[in-house]
PDB file of N, CA and C in Angstrom:
ATOM      1  N   MET A   1       0.839  -1.169   0.011  1.00  0.00           N
ATOM      2  CA  MET A   1       0.009  -0.039   0.023  1.00  0.00           C
ATOM      3  C   MET A   1       0.882   1.250  -0.012  1.00  0.00           C
ATOM      4  N   GLN A   2       2.097   1.144   0.573  1.00  0.00           N
ATOM      5  CA  GLN A   2       2.954   2.356   0.619  1.00  0.00           C
ATOM      6  C   GLN A   2       3.380   2.784  -0.707  1.00  0.00           C
ATOM      7  N   SER A   3       3.607   1.749  -1.669  1.00  0.00           N
ATOM      8  CA  SER A   3       4.009   2.147  -2.956  1.00  0.00           C
ATOM      9  C   SER A   3       2.824   2.790  -3.704  1.00  0.00           C
ATOM     10  N   GLN A   4       1.657   2.459  -3.392  1.00  0.00           N
ATOM     11  CA  GLN A   4       0.424   3.168  -4.015  1.00  0.00           C
ATOM     12  C   GLN A   4       0.353   4.568  -3.538  1.00  0.00           C
ATOM     13  N   VAL A   5       0.679   4.804  -2.243  1.00  0.00           N
ATOM     14  CA  VAL A   5       0.666   6.098  -1.728  1.00  0.00           C
ATOM     15  C   VAL A   5       1.730   7.036  -2.471  1.00  0.00           C
ATOM     16  N   GLU A   6       2.989   6.391  -2.575  1.00  0.00           N
ATOM     17  CA  GLU A   6       4.013   7.114  -3.350  1.00  0.00           C
ATOM     18  C   GLU A   6       3.625   7.391  -4.752  1.00  0.00           C
ATOM     19  N   GLY A   7       2.918   6.375  -5.381  1.00  0.00           N
ATOM     20  CA  GLY A   7       2.470   6.465  -6.720  1.00  0.00           C
ATOM     21  C   GLY A   7       1.443   7.561  -6.836  1.00  0.00           C
ATOM     22  N   ALA A   8       0.504   7.675  -5.881  1.00  0.00           N
ATOM     23  CA  ALA A   8      -0.567   8.785  -5.928  1.00  0.00           C
ATOM     24  C   ALA A   8       0.087   9.987  -5.724  1.00  0.00           C
ATOM     25  N   THR A   9       1.072  10.116  -4.787  1.00  0.00           N
ATOM     26  CA  THR A   9       1.808  11.481  -4.625  1.00  0.00           C
ATOM     27  C   THR A   9       2.477  11.838  -5.922  1.00  0.00           C
ATOM     28  N   GLY A  10       3.149  10.983  -6.635  1.00  0.00           N
ATOM     29  CA  GLY A  10       3.851  11.312  -7.876  1.00  0.00           C
ATOM     30  C   GLY A  10       2.816  11.696  -8.920  1.00  0.00           C
ATOM     31  N   ILE A  11       1.698  11.062  -8.947  1.00  0.00           N
ATOM     32  CA  ILE A  11       0.680  11.413  -9.968  1.00  0.00           C
ATOM     33  C   ILE A  11       0.155  12.758  -9.689  1.00  0.00           C
ATOM     34  N   ARG A  12      -0.133  13.114  -8.437  1.00  0.00           N
ATOM     35  CA  ARG A  12      -0.579  14.462  -8.082  1.00  0.00           C
ATOM     36  C   ARG A  12       0.471  15.537  -8.493  1.00  0.00           C
ATOM     37  N   ARG A  13       1.645  15.268  -8.172  1.00  0.00           N
ATOM     38  CA  ARG A  13       2.728  16.234  -8.519  1.00  0.00           C
ATOM     39  C   ARG A  13       2.793  16.475 -10.006  1.00  0.00           C
ATOM     40  N   GLU A  14       2.671  15.462 -10.828  1.00  0.00           N
ATOM     41  CA  GLU A  14       2.743  15.500 -12.325  1.00  0.00           C
ATOM     42  C   GLU A  14       1.540  16.361 -12.789  1.00  0.00           C
ATOM     43  N   MET A  15       0.285  15.954 -12.137  1.00  0.00           N
ATOM     44  CA  MET A  15      -0.802  16.813 -12.479  1.00  0.00           C
ATOM     45  C   MET A  15      -0.672  18.256 -12.222  1.00  0.00           C
ATOM     46  N   MET A  16      -0.239  18.598 -11.082  1.00  0.00           N
ATOM     47  CA  MET A  16      -0.008  19.931 -10.677  1.00  0.00           C
ATOM     48  C   MET A  16       0.950  20.696 -11.700  1.00  0.00           C
ATOM     49  N   ASN A  17       1.978  19.966 -11.997  1.00  0.00           N
ATOM     50  CA  ASN A  17       3.095  20.616 -12.933  1.00  0.00           C
ATOM     51  C   ASN A  17       2.448  20.839 -14.168  1.00  0.00           C
ATOM     52  N   LEU A  18       1.657  19.831 -14.786  1.00  0.00           N
ATOM     53  CA  LEU A  18       0.942  20.084 -16.040  1.00  0.00           C
ATOM     54  C   LEU A  18      -0.029  21.220 -15.932  1.00  0.00           C
ATOM     55  N   LEU A  19      -0.759  21.319 -14.906  1.00  0.00           N
ATOM     56  CA  LEU A  19      -1.724  22.408 -14.745  1.00  0.00           C
ATOM     57  C   LEU A  19      -1.051  23.740 -14.563  1.00  0.00           C
ATOM     58  N   ARG A  20       0.010  23.763 -13.900  1.00  0.00           N
ATOM     59  CA  ARG A  20       0.812  25.063 -13.931  1.00  0.00           C
ATOM     60  C   ARG A  20       1.254  25.480 -15.186  1.00  0.00           C
ATOM     61  N   GLN A  21       1.779  24.553 -16.002  1.00  0.00           N
ATOM     62  CA  GLN A  21       2.225  24.829 -17.360  1.00  0.00           C
ATOM     63  C   GLN A  21       1.006  25.361 -18.237  1.00  0.00           C
ATOM     64  N   GLN A  22      -0.172  24.751 -17.966  1.00  0.00           N
ATOM     65  CA  GLN A  22      -1.268  25.115 -18.713  1.00  0.00           C
ATOM     66  C   GLN A  22      -1.718  26.524 -18.333  1.00  0.00           C
ATOM     67  N   VAL A  23      -1.746  26.876 -17.128  1.00  0.00           N
ATOM     68  CA  VAL A  23      -2.045  28.259 -16.715  1.00  0.00           C
ATOM     69  C   VAL A  23      -1.159  29.307 -17.249  1.00  0.00           C
ATOM     70  N   LYS A  24       0.078  28.892 -17.149  1.00  0.00           N
ATOM     71  CA  LYS A  24       1.248  29.793 -17.620  1.00  0.00           C
ATOM     72  C   LYS A  24       1.068  30.154 -19.075  1.00  0.00           C
ATOM     73  N   ILE A  25       0.829  29.192 -19.828  1.00  0.00           N
ATOM     74  CA  ILE A  25       0.724  29.476 -21.347  1.00  0.00           C
ATOM     75  C   ILE A  25      -0.554  30.189 -21.653  1.00  0.00           C
ATOM     76  N   LEU A  26      -1.605  29.920 -20.903  1.00  0.00           N
ATOM     77  CA  LEU A  26      -2.956  30.552 -21.172  1.00  0.00           C
ATOM     78  C   LEU A  26      -2.862  31.977 -20.774  1.00  0.00           C
ATOM     79  N   ASP A  27      -2.055  32.249 -19.705  1.00  0.00           N
ATOM     80  CA  ASP A  27      -1.955  33.684 -19.134  1.00  0.00           C
ATOM     81  C   ASP A  27      -0.898  34.514 -20.019  1.00  0.00           C
ATOM     82  N   SER A  28      -0.126  33.776 -20.708  1.00  0.00           N
ATOM     83  CA  SER A  28       1.039  34.407 -21.405  1.00  0.00           C
ATOM     84  C   SER A  28       0.556  35.234 -22.708  1.00  0.00           C
ATOM     85  N   SER A  29      -0.382  34.898 -23.353  1.00  0.00           N
ATOM     86  CA  SER A  29      -0.717  35.545 -24.575  1.00  0.00           C
ATOM     87  C   SER A  29      -2.220  35.464 -24.785  1.00  0.00           C
ATOM     88  N   ARG A  30      -2.669  36.340 -25.622  1.00  0.00           N
ATOM     89  CA  ARG A  30      -4.103  36.355 -26.000  1.00  0.00           C
ATOM     90  C   ARG A  30      -4.385  35.287 -27.095  1.00  0.00           C
ATOM     91  N   GLU A  31      -3.547  35.103 -27.971  1.00  0.00           N
ATOM     92  CA  GLU A  31      -3.725  34.110 -29.024  1.00  0.00           C
ATOM     93  C   GLU A  31      -2.546  32.997 -28.939  1.00  0.00           C
ATOM     94  N   LEU A  32      -3.078  31.839 -29.061  1.00  0.00           N
ATOM     95  CA  LEU A  32      -1.958  30.694 -28.973  1.00  0.00           C
ATOM     96  C   LEU A  32      -1.785  30.255 -30.311  1.00  0.00           C
ATOM     97  N   SER A  33      -0.480  29.950 -30.653  1.00  0.00           N
ATOM     98  CA  SER A  33      -0.127  29.399 -31.887  1.00  0.00           C
ATOM     99  C   SER A  33      -0.686  27.891 -31.948  1.00  0.00           C
ATOM    100  N   ASP A  34      -0.675  27.467 -33.135  1.00  0.00           N
ATOM    101  CA  ASP A  34      -1.094  26.038 -33.381  1.00  0.00           C
ATOM    102  C   ASP A  34      -0.351  25.056 -32.469  1.00  0.00           C
ATOM    103  N   ILE A  35       0.919  25.307 -32.319  1.00  0.00           N
ATOM    104  CA  ILE A  35       1.817  24.470 -31.662  1.00  0.00           C
ATOM    105  C   ILE A  35       1.395  24.545 -30.178  1.00  0.00           C
ATOM    106  N   GLN A  36       1.274  25.782 -29.687  1.00  0.00           N
ATOM    107  CA  GLN A  36       0.891  26.022 -28.212  1.00  0.00           C
ATOM    108  C   GLN A  36      -0.449  25.286 -27.977  1.00  0.00           C
ATOM    109  N   LEU A  37      -1.345  25.473 -28.908  1.00  0.00           N
ATOM    110  CA  LEU A  37      -2.743  24.931 -28.666  1.00  0.00           C
ATOM    111  C   LEU A  37      -2.625  23.513 -28.571  1.00  0.00           C
ATOM    112  N   ARG A  38      -1.950  22.828 -29.515  1.00  0.00           N
ATOM    113  CA  ARG A  38      -1.682  21.408 -29.478  1.00  0.00           C
ATOM    114  C   ARG A  38      -1.114  20.824 -28.300  1.00  0.00           C
ATOM    115  N   GLU A  39      -0.129  21.615 -27.743  1.00  0.00           N
ATOM    116  CA  GLU A  39       0.500  21.208 -26.426  1.00  0.00           C
ATOM    117  C   GLU A  39      -0.494  21.284 -25.320  1.00  0.00           C
ATOM    118  N   CYS A  40      -1.378  22.315 -25.357  1.00  0.00           N
ATOM    119  CA  CYS A  40      -2.384  22.447 -24.365  1.00  0.00           C
ATOM    120  C   CYS A  40      -3.324  21.232 -24.362  1.00  0.00           C
ATOM    121  N   TYR A  41      -3.767  20.893 -25.574  1.00  0.00           N
ATOM    122  CA  TYR A  41      -4.616  19.701 -25.704  1.00  0.00           C
ATOM    123  C   TYR A  41      -3.856  18.405 -25.135  1.00  0.00           C
ATOM    124  N   ASP A  42      -2.667  18.320 -25.515  1.00  0.00           N
ATOM    125  CA  ASP A  42      -1.786  17.146 -25.089  1.00  0.00           C
ATOM    126  C   ASP A  42      -1.646  17.098 -23.453  1.00  0.00           C
ATOM    127  N   ARG A  43      -1.536  18.313 -22.864  1.00  0.00           N
ATOM    128  CA  ARG A  43      -1.453  18.361 -21.412  1.00  0.00           C
ATOM    129  C   ARG A  43      -2.823  17.985 -20.781  1.00  0.00           C
ATOM    130  N   GLN A  44      -3.809  18.519 -21.467  1.00  0.00           N
ATOM    131  CA  GLN A  44      -5.110  18.186 -20.970  1.00  0.00           C
ATOM    132  C   GLN A  44      -5.525  16.765 -21.012  1.00  0.00           C
ATOM    133  N   SER A  45      -5.103  16.126 -22.086  1.00  0.00           N
ATOM    134  CA  SER A  45      -5.301  14.655 -22.173  1.00  0.00           C
ATOM    135  C   SER A  45      -4.481  13.912 -21.156  1.00  0.00           C
ATOM    136  N   ARG A  46      -3.190  14.331 -20.934  1.00  0.00           N
ATOM    137  CA  ARG A  46      -2.395  13.657 -19.949  1.00  0.00           C
ATOM    138  C   ARG A  46      -2.989  13.898 -18.534  1.00  0.00           C
ATOM    139  N   VAL A  47      -3.440  15.061 -18.219  1.00  0.00           N
ATOM    140  CA  VAL A  47      -4.086  15.284 -16.847  1.00  0.00           C
ATOM    141  C   VAL A  47      -5.331  14.303 -16.757  1.00  0.00           C
ATOM    142  N   GLN A  48      -6.146  14.171 -17.713  1.00  0.00           N
ATOM    143  CA  GLN A  48      -7.246  13.343 -17.624  1.00  0.00           C
ATOM    144  C   GLN A  48      -6.846  11.851 -17.423  1.00  0.00           C
ATOM    145  N   ALA A  49      -5.840  11.438 -18.103  1.00  0.00           N
ATOM    146  CA  ALA A  49      -5.255  10.041 -17.879  1.00  0.00           C
ATOM    147  C   ALA A  49      -4.684   9.914 -16.519  1.00  0.00           C
ATOM    148  N   LEU A  50      -4.096  10.847 -15.949  1.00  0.00           N
ATOM    149  CA  LEU A  50      -3.554  10.785 -14.630  1.00  0.00           C
ATOM    150  C   LEU A  50      -4.681  10.901 -13.631  1.00  0.00           C
ATOM    151  N   ARG A  51      -5.701  11.651 -13.902  1.00  0.00           N
ATOM    152  CA  ARG A  51      -6.862  11.720 -12.954  1.00  0.00           C
ATOM    153  C   ARG A  51      -7.532  10.252 -12.943  1.00  0.00           C
ATOM    154  N   GLU A  52      -7.694   9.534 -14.105  1.00  0.00           N
ATOM    155  CA  GLU A  52      -8.236   8.221 -14.110  1.00  0.00           C
ATOM    156  C   GLU A  52      -7.294   7.231 -13.248  1.00  0.00           C
ATOM    157  N   LYS A  53      -6.040   7.394 -13.494  1.00  0.00           N
ATOM    158  CA  LYS A  53      -5.142   6.558 -12.716  1.00  0.00           C
ATOM    159  C   LYS A  53      -5.239   6.771 -11.285  1.00  0.00           C
ATOM    160  N   LEU A  54      -5.342   7.985 -10.852  1.00  0.00           N
ATOM    161  CA  LEU A  54      -5.374   8.295  -9.408  1.00  0.00           C
ATOM    162  C   LEU A  54      -6.743   7.752  -8.928  1.00  0.00           C
ATOM    163  N   GLN A  55      -7.774   7.836  -9.618  1.00  0.00           N
ATOM    164  CA  GLN A  55      -9.018   7.359  -9.221  1.00  0.00           C
ATOM    165  C   GLN A  55      -9.084   5.786  -8.994  1.00  0.00           C
ATOM    166  N   ALA A  56      -8.334   5.158  -9.901  1.00  0.00           N
ATOM    167  CA  ALA A  56      -8.175   3.638  -9.794  1.00  0.00           C
ATOM    168  C   ALA A  56      -7.404   3.306  -8.588  1.00  0.00           C
ATOM    169  N   ILE A  57      -6.443   4.112  -8.163  1.00  0.00           N
ATOM    170  CA  ILE A  57      -5.632   3.844  -6.916  1.00  0.00           C
ATOM    171  C   ILE A  57      -6.519   4.075  -5.770  1.00  0.00           C
ATOM    172  N   ALA A  58      -7.356   5.121  -5.848  1.00  0.00           N
ATOM    173  CA  ALA A  58      -8.154   5.503  -4.701  1.00  0.00           C
ATOM    174  C   ALA A  58      -9.281   4.306  -4.546  1.00  0.00           C
ATOM    175  N   GLU A  59      -9.746   3.740  -5.589  1.00  0.00           N
ATOM    176  CA  GLU A  59     -10.785   2.645  -5.486  1.00  0.00           C
ATOM    177  C   GLU A  59     -10.164   1.482  -5.012  1.00  0.00           C
ATOM    178  N   GLU A  60      -8.935   1.211  -5.469  1.00  0.00           N
ATOM    179  CA  GLU A  60      -8.190  -0.069  -4.974  1.00  0.00           C
ATOM    180  C   GLU A  60      -7.977   0.153  -3.361  1.00  0.00           C
ATOM    181  N   ASP A  61      -7.549   1.331  -2.971  1.00  0.00           N
ATOM    182  CA  ASP A  61      -7.293   1.604  -1.607  1.00  0.00           C
ATOM    183  C   ASP A  61      -8.567   1.319  -0.785  1.00  0.00           C
ATOM    184  N   SER A  62      -9.700   1.818  -1.339  1.00  0.00           N
ATOM    185  CA  SER A  62     -11.000   1.591  -0.687  1.00  0.00           C
ATOM    186  C   SER A  62     -11.319   0.214  -0.520  1.00  0.00           C
ATOM    187  N   ARG A  63     -11.108  -0.614  -1.567  1.00  0.00           N
ATOM    188  CA  ARG A  63     -11.401  -2.015  -1.563  1.00  0.00           C
ATOM    189  C   ARG A  63     -10.516  -2.777  -0.525  1.00  0.00           C
ATOM    190  N   VAL A  64      -9.326  -2.409  -0.532  1.00  0.00           N
ATOM    191  CA  VAL A  64      -8.331  -3.013   0.497  1.00  0.00           C
ATOM    192  C   VAL A  64      -8.791  -2.693   1.988  1.00  0.00           C
ATOM    193  N   ALA A  65      -9.061  -1.384   2.065  1.00  0.00           N
ATOM    194  CA  ALA A  65      -9.578  -1.051   3.463  1.00  0.00           C
ATOM    195  C   ALA A  65     -10.794  -1.690   3.898  1.00  0.00           C
ATOM    196  N   ALA A  66     -11.718  -1.869   3.021  1.00  0.00           N
ATOM    197  CA  ALA A  66     -12.918  -2.596   3.337  1.00  0.00           C
ATOM    198  C   ALA A  66     -12.692  -4.106   3.622  1.00  0.00           C
ATOM    199  N   PHE A  67     -11.758  -4.648   2.784  1.00  0.00           N
ATOM    200  CA  PHE A  67     -11.310  -6.054   3.085  1.00  0.00           C
ATOM    201  C   PHE A  67     -10.709  -6.128   4.403  1.00  0.00           C
ATOM    202  N   LEU A  68      -9.807  -5.356   4.824  1.00  0.00           N
ATOM    203  CA  LEU A  68      -9.089  -5.394   5.998  1.00  0.00           C
ATOM    204  C   LEU A  68     -10.081  -5.176   7.178  1.00  0.00           C
ATOM    205  N   GLN A  69     -10.963  -4.214   7.047  1.00  0.00           N
ATOM    206  CA  GLN A  69     -11.981  -3.961   8.061  1.00  0.00           C
ATOM    207  C   GLN A  69     -12.865  -5.149   8.305  1.00  0.00           C
ATOM    208  N   ASP A  70     -13.193  -5.924   7.280  1.00  0.00           N
ATOM    209  CA  ASP A  70     -14.078  -6.979   7.354  1.00  0.00           C
ATOM    210  C   ASP A  70     -13.376  -8.385   7.805  1.00  0.00           C
ATOM    211  N   SER A  71     -12.009  -8.389   7.431  1.00  0.00           N
ATOM    212  CA  SER A  71     -11.257  -9.555   7.604  1.00  0.00           C
ATOM    213  C   SER A  71     -11.280 -10.000   9.157  1.00  0.00           C
ATOM    214  N   PRO A  72     -10.873  -9.164  10.088  1.00  0.00           N
ATOM    215  CA  PRO A  72     -10.656  -9.631  11.377  1.00  0.00           C
ATOM    216  C   PRO A  72     -11.975 -10.133  12.040  1.00  0.00           C
ATOM    217  N   ALA A  73     -13.053  -9.541  11.697  1.00  0.00           N
ATOM    218  CA  ALA A  73     -14.371 -10.018  12.213  1.00  0.00           C
ATOM    219  C   ALA A  73     -14.598 -11.452  11.688  1.00  0.00           C
ATOM    220  N   LYS A  74     -14.511 -11.739  10.351  1.00  0.00           N
ATOM    221  CA  LYS A  74     -14.679 -13.034   9.855  1.00  0.00           C
ATOM    222  C   LYS A  74     -13.782 -14.077  10.501  1.00  0.00           C
ATOM    223  N   GLU A  75     -12.439 -13.720  10.578  1.00  0.00           N
ATOM    224  CA  GLU A  75     -11.577 -14.670  11.137  1.00  0.00           C
ATOM    225  C   GLU A  75     -11.901 -14.987  12.667  1.00  0.00           C
ATOM    226  N   PHE A  76     -12.396 -14.000  13.350  1.00  0.00           N
ATOM    227  CA  PHE A  76     -12.745 -14.126  14.792  1.00  0.00           C
ATOM    228  C   PHE A  76     -13.964 -15.015  14.784  1.00  0.00           C
ATOM    229  N   SER A  77     -14.901 -14.864  13.989  1.00  0.00           N
ATOM    230  CA  SER A  77     -16.143 -15.723  14.020  1.00  0.00           C
ATOM    231  C   SER A  77     -15.882 -17.124  13.712  1.00  0.00           C
ATOM    232  N   VAL A  78     -14.964 -17.307  12.717  1.00  0.00           N
ATOM    233  CA  VAL A  78     -14.559 -18.640  12.412  1.00  0.00           C
ATOM    234  C   VAL A  78     -13.796 -19.306  13.556  1.00  0.00           C
ATOM    235  N   ASP A  79     -12.937 -18.549  14.166  1.00  0.00           N
ATOM    236  CA  ASP A  79     -12.250 -19.121  15.336  1.00  0.00           C
ATOM    237  C   ASP A  79     -13.146 -19.592  16.483  1.00  0.00           C
ATOM    238  N   ARG A  80     -14.192 -18.762  16.740  1.00  0.00           N
ATOM    239  CA  ARG A  80     -15.142 -19.021  17.818  1.00  0.00           C
ATOM    240  C   ARG A  80     -15.978 -20.265  17.531  1.00  0.00           C
ATOM    241  N   ALA A  81     -16.170 -20.405  16.159  1.00  0.00           N
ATOM    242  CA  ALA A  81     -17.090 -21.624  15.811  1.00  0.00           C
ATOM    243  C   ALA A  81     -16.321 -22.949  15.896  1.00  0.00           C
ATOM    244  N   ALA A  82     -14.965 -22.811  15.757  1.00  0.00           N
ATOM    245  CA  ALA A  82     -14.222 -24.004  15.856  1.00  0.00           C
ATOM    246  C   ALA A  82     -13.994 -24.466  17.108  1.00  0.00           C
TER     247      ALA A  82
END
């Protein structure tokens, strides 16, 4: 689970970096060149992919936490029955 936390932190950092770049370029000029516009779309796509990856990590963490929360109770009830 520690590696997922580190992975999630790295993803957040990359997302923030991309978003900062996005704001910087959008604030820098009134009109964007075709190249700048394409780079913006690429960054936007990358942020979306990272968001989905982060969501998957959060869902996995939630499933693991639910499993761990339920596990001791199940083991205890099995031990009592034996």
